[in-house]
C-alpha atoms as a PDB file:
ATOM      1  CA  MET A   1       2.662 -24.236  -7.514  1.00  0.00           C
ATOM      2  CA  THR A   2      -0.476 -23.022  -5.755  1.00  0.00           C
ATOM      3  CA  GLU A   3      -2.139 -19.857  -6.884  1.00  0.00           C
ATOM      4  CA  SER A   4      -2.049 -17.031  -4.361  1.00  0.00           C
ATOM      5  CA  LYS A   5      -5.389 -15.903  -3.064  1.00  0.00           C
ATOM      6  CA  TRP A   6      -3.926 -12.470  -2.334  1.00  0.00           C
ATOM      7  CA  LEU A   7      -3.335  -9.340  -4.341  1.00  0.00           C
ATOM      8  CA  SER A   8      -0.273  -7.825  -2.698  1.00  0.00           C
ATOM      9  CA  VAL A   9       0.458  -4.111  -2.701  1.00  0.00           C
ATOM     10  CA  LEU A  10       4.069  -3.126  -2.202  1.00  0.00           C
ATOM     11  CA  VAL A  11       5.445   0.368  -1.744  1.00  0.00           C
ATOM     12  CA  ASN A  12       9.207   0.740  -2.055  1.00  0.00           C
ATOM     13  CA  GLN A  13       9.533  -3.066  -1.916  1.00  0.00           C
ATOM     14  CA  GLN A  14       7.612  -3.342   1.376  1.00  0.00           C
ATOM     15  CA  THR A  15       4.234  -5.106   1.535  1.00  0.00           C
ATOM     16  CA  VAL A  16       1.744  -2.526   2.807  1.00  0.00           C
ATOM     17  CA  PHE A  17      -1.566  -4.247   2.028  1.00  0.00           C
ATOM     18  CA  GLU A  18      -2.966  -7.582   0.929  1.00  0.00           C
ATOM     19  CA  TYR A  19      -6.415  -8.042  -0.560  1.00  0.00           C
ATOM     20  CA  ASP A  20      -8.193 -11.384  -0.500  1.00  0.00           C
ATOM     21  CA  ARG A  21      -8.931 -12.137  -4.152  1.00  0.00           C
ATOM     22  CA  SER A  22     -11.865 -14.358  -3.127  1.00  0.00           C
ATOM     23  CA  THR A  23     -13.773 -11.427  -1.583  1.00  0.00           C
ATOM     24  CA  SER A  24     -17.225 -11.421  -3.152  1.00  0.00           C
ATOM     25  CA  ILE A  25     -18.396  -8.362  -5.024  1.00  0.00           C
ATOM     26  CA  GLU A  26     -21.949  -7.217  -4.411  1.00  0.00           C
ATOM     27  CA  ALA A  27     -24.186  -6.305  -7.363  1.00  0.00           C
ATOM     28  CA  ALA A  28     -24.043  -2.579  -6.571  1.00  0.00           C
ATOM     29  CA  GLN A  29     -20.258  -2.684  -6.409  1.00  0.00           C
ATOM     30  CA  SER A  30     -20.088  -4.590  -9.704  1.00  0.00           C
ATOM     31  CA  THR A  31     -22.264  -1.925 -11.327  1.00  0.00           C
ATOM     32  CA  TYR A  32     -19.973   0.766  -9.924  1.00  0.00           C
ATOM     33  CA  LEU A  33     -16.918  -1.000 -11.403  1.00  0.00           C
ATOM     34  CA  ASP A  34     -18.659  -1.018 -14.802  1.00  0.00           C
ATOM     35  CA  THR A  35     -19.342   2.716 -14.402  1.00  0.00           C
ATOM     36  CA  MET A  36     -15.658   3.274 -13.644  1.00  0.00           C
ATOM     37  CA  ASP A  37     -14.718   1.474 -16.861  1.00  0.00           C
ATOM     38  CA  VAL A  38     -17.092   3.604 -18.929  1.00  0.00           C
ATOM     39  CA  ALA A  39     -15.736   6.826 -17.407  1.00  0.00           C
ATOM     40  CA  MET A  40     -12.090   5.790 -17.860  1.00  0.00           C
ATOM     41  CA  ARG A  41     -12.639   4.779 -21.496  1.00  0.00           C
ATOM     42  CA  ARG A  42     -13.316   8.445 -22.234  1.00  0.00           C
ATOM     43  CA  GLY A  43      -9.792   9.271 -21.122  1.00  0.00           C
ATOM     44  CA  LEU A  44      -7.643   9.654 -18.043  1.00  0.00           C
ATOM     45  CA  LYS A  45      -4.472  11.367 -16.923  1.00  0.00           C
ATOM     46  CA  ILE A  46      -1.429   9.490 -15.696  1.00  0.00           C
ATOM     47  CA  HIS A  47       1.493  11.680 -14.589  1.00  0.00           C
ATOM     48  CA  GLY A  48      -0.009  14.629 -16.454  1.00  0.00           C
ATOM     49  CA  GLU A  49      -0.357  12.740 -19.736  1.00  0.00           C
ATOM     50  CA  LEU A  50      -3.876  12.572 -21.147  1.00  0.00           C
ATOM     51  CA  ILE A  51      -4.615   9.107 -22.501  1.00  0.00           C
ATOM     52  CA  ILE A  52      -7.655   8.908 -24.762  1.00  0.00           C
ATOM     53  CA  ASN A  53      -9.365   5.506 -24.874  1.00  0.00           C
ATOM     54  CA  PRO A  54      -6.901   3.801 -22.501  1.00  0.00           C
ATOM     55  CA  ASP A  55      -6.429   0.043 -22.723  1.00  0.00           C
ATOM     56  CA  LYS A  56      -7.081  -2.382 -19.866  1.00  0.00           C
ATOM     57  CA  MET A  57      -3.586  -2.096 -18.394  1.00  0.00           C
ATOM     58  CA  GLN A  58      -3.550   1.715 -18.556  1.00  0.00           C
ATOM     59  CA  ARG A  59      -6.869   1.750 -16.684  1.00  0.00           C
ATOM     60  CA  ALA A  60      -5.444  -0.725 -14.152  1.00  0.00           C
ATOM     61  CA  ARG A  61      -2.354   1.462 -13.668  1.00  0.00           C
ATOM     62  CA  PHE A  62      -4.610   4.496 -13.093  1.00  0.00           C
ATOM     63  CA  VAL A  63      -6.666   2.568 -10.507  1.00  0.00           C
ATOM     64  CA  ALA A  64      -3.445   1.347  -8.859  1.00  0.00           C
ATOM     65  CA  LEU A  65      -2.228   4.944  -8.520  1.00  0.00           C
ATOM     66  CA  ASN A  66      -5.524   5.789  -6.822  1.00  0.00           C
ATOM     67  CA  LEU A  67      -5.123   2.726  -4.601  1.00  0.00           C
ATOM     68  CA  ILE A  68      -1.713   3.934  -3.418  1.00  0.00           C
ATOM     69  CA  LYS A  69      -3.146   7.378  -2.672  1.00  0.00           C
ATOM     70  CA  ALA A  70      -6.067   5.788  -0.771  1.00  0.00           C
ATOM     71  CA  LEU A  71      -3.653   3.669   1.277  1.00  0.00           C
ATOM     72  CA  GLN A  72      -1.696   6.811   2.202  1.00  0.00           C
ATOM     73  CA  GLN A  73      -4.951   8.498   3.266  1.00  0.00           C
ATOM     74  CA  ASP A  74      -6.362   5.379   4.990  1.00  0.00           C
ATOM     75  CA  ASN A  75      -9.472   5.632   2.767  1.00  0.00           C
ATOM     76  CA  GLU A  76     -10.984   2.167   3.184  1.00  0.00           C
ATOM     77  CA  ALA A  77     -13.825   2.699   0.692  1.00  0.00           C
ATOM     78  CA  VAL A  78     -11.471   3.606  -2.160  1.00  0.00           C
ATOM     79  CA  ILE A  79      -9.052   0.836  -1.168  1.00  0.00           C
ATOM     80  CA  SER A  80     -11.864  -1.718  -1.363  1.00  0.00           C
ATOM     81  CA  VAL A  81     -13.182  -0.479  -4.725  1.00  0.00           C
ATOM     82  CA  ALA A  82      -9.707  -0.193  -6.259  1.00  0.00           C
ATOM     83  CA  CYS A  83      -8.749  -3.721  -5.191  1.00  0.00           C
ATOM     84  CA  ALA A  84     -12.071  -5.139  -6.387  1.00  0.00           C
ATOM     85  CA  TYR A  85     -11.552  -3.422  -9.740  1.00  0.00           C
ATOM     86  CA  LEU A  86      -8.016  -4.729 -10.133  1.00  0.00           C
ATOM     87  CA  VAL A  87      -8.806  -8.366  -9.316  1.00  0.00           C
ATOM     88  CA  SER A  88     -11.980  -8.425 -11.421  1.00  0.00           C
ATOM     89  CA  ARG A  89     -10.513  -6.696 -14.486  1.00  0.00           C
ATOM     90  CA  CYS A  90      -7.012  -8.199 -14.302  1.00  0.00           C
ATOM     91  CA  PRO A  91      -7.443 -11.748 -12.946  1.00  0.00           C
ATOM     92  CA  ALA A  92      -3.776 -12.602 -13.545  1.00  0.00           C
ATOM     93  CA  LEU A  93      -2.588  -9.626 -11.458  1.00  0.00           C
ATOM     94  CA  ARG A  94      -0.691 -10.719  -8.349  1.00  0.00           C
ATOM     95  CA  GLU A  95       1.175  -7.597  -7.211  1.00  0.00           C
ATOM     96  CA  VAL A  96       0.938  -3.860  -7.443  1.00  0.00           C
ATOM     97  CA  GLN A  97       4.416  -2.474  -6.930  1.00  0.00           C
ATOM     98  CA  ALA A  98       4.778   1.244  -6.274  1.00  0.00           C
ATOM     99  CA  ASN A  99       7.958   3.230  -5.997  1.00  0.00           C
ATOM    100  CA  ASP A 100       7.505   6.729  -4.622  1.00  0.00           C
ATOM    101  CA  GLU A 101      11.148   7.602  -4.039  1.00  0.00           C
ATOM    102  CA  GLY A 102      11.334   9.885  -7.098  1.00  0.00           C
ATOM    103  CA  THR A 103       9.300  12.906  -8.113  1.00  0.00           C
ATOM    104  CA  SER A 104       6.255  10.769  -8.944  1.00  0.00           C
ATOM    105  CA  VAL A 105       4.860   7.371  -8.054  1.00  0.00           C
ATOM    106  CA  GLU A 106       5.895   4.684 -10.511  1.00  0.00           C
ATOM    107  CA  ILE A 107       3.589   1.660 -10.755  1.00  0.00           C
ATOM    108  CA  THR A 108       4.478  -1.842 -11.902  1.00  0.00           C
ATOM    109  CA  LEU A 109       1.711  -4.430 -12.291  1.00  0.00           C
ATOM    110  CA  VAL A 110       2.966  -7.991 -11.861  1.00  0.00           C
ATOM    111  CA  GLU A 111       0.884 -10.782 -13.335  1.00  0.00           C
ATOM    112  CA  LYS A 112       1.282 -14.501 -12.724  1.00  0.00           C
ATOM    113  CA  PRO A 113       3.565 -16.160 -15.286  1.00  0.00           C
END
């Protein structure tokens, strides 16, 4: 089985975006991703719940929520940074699945088996 070069983003089971995992990250962008990690380690809110010292997957879920919002707003800069963060911090991640049919957006992160 060949490894997918894409990170797929699905909303309500429909593919809405694909990011080429082989996209190179510039030094400035890499530094920014490190800064994001430092800021998120201090705590973040997901669905109104404050999470102090979130783990890698909680940070990834937070970034994925921001990715979905950026896709809705057609914010290419945030889309690019969020995807770069997800593929660099979670190399096994293959899909971000979002379901926004309820009162909040539910995120599922699917890694390769």
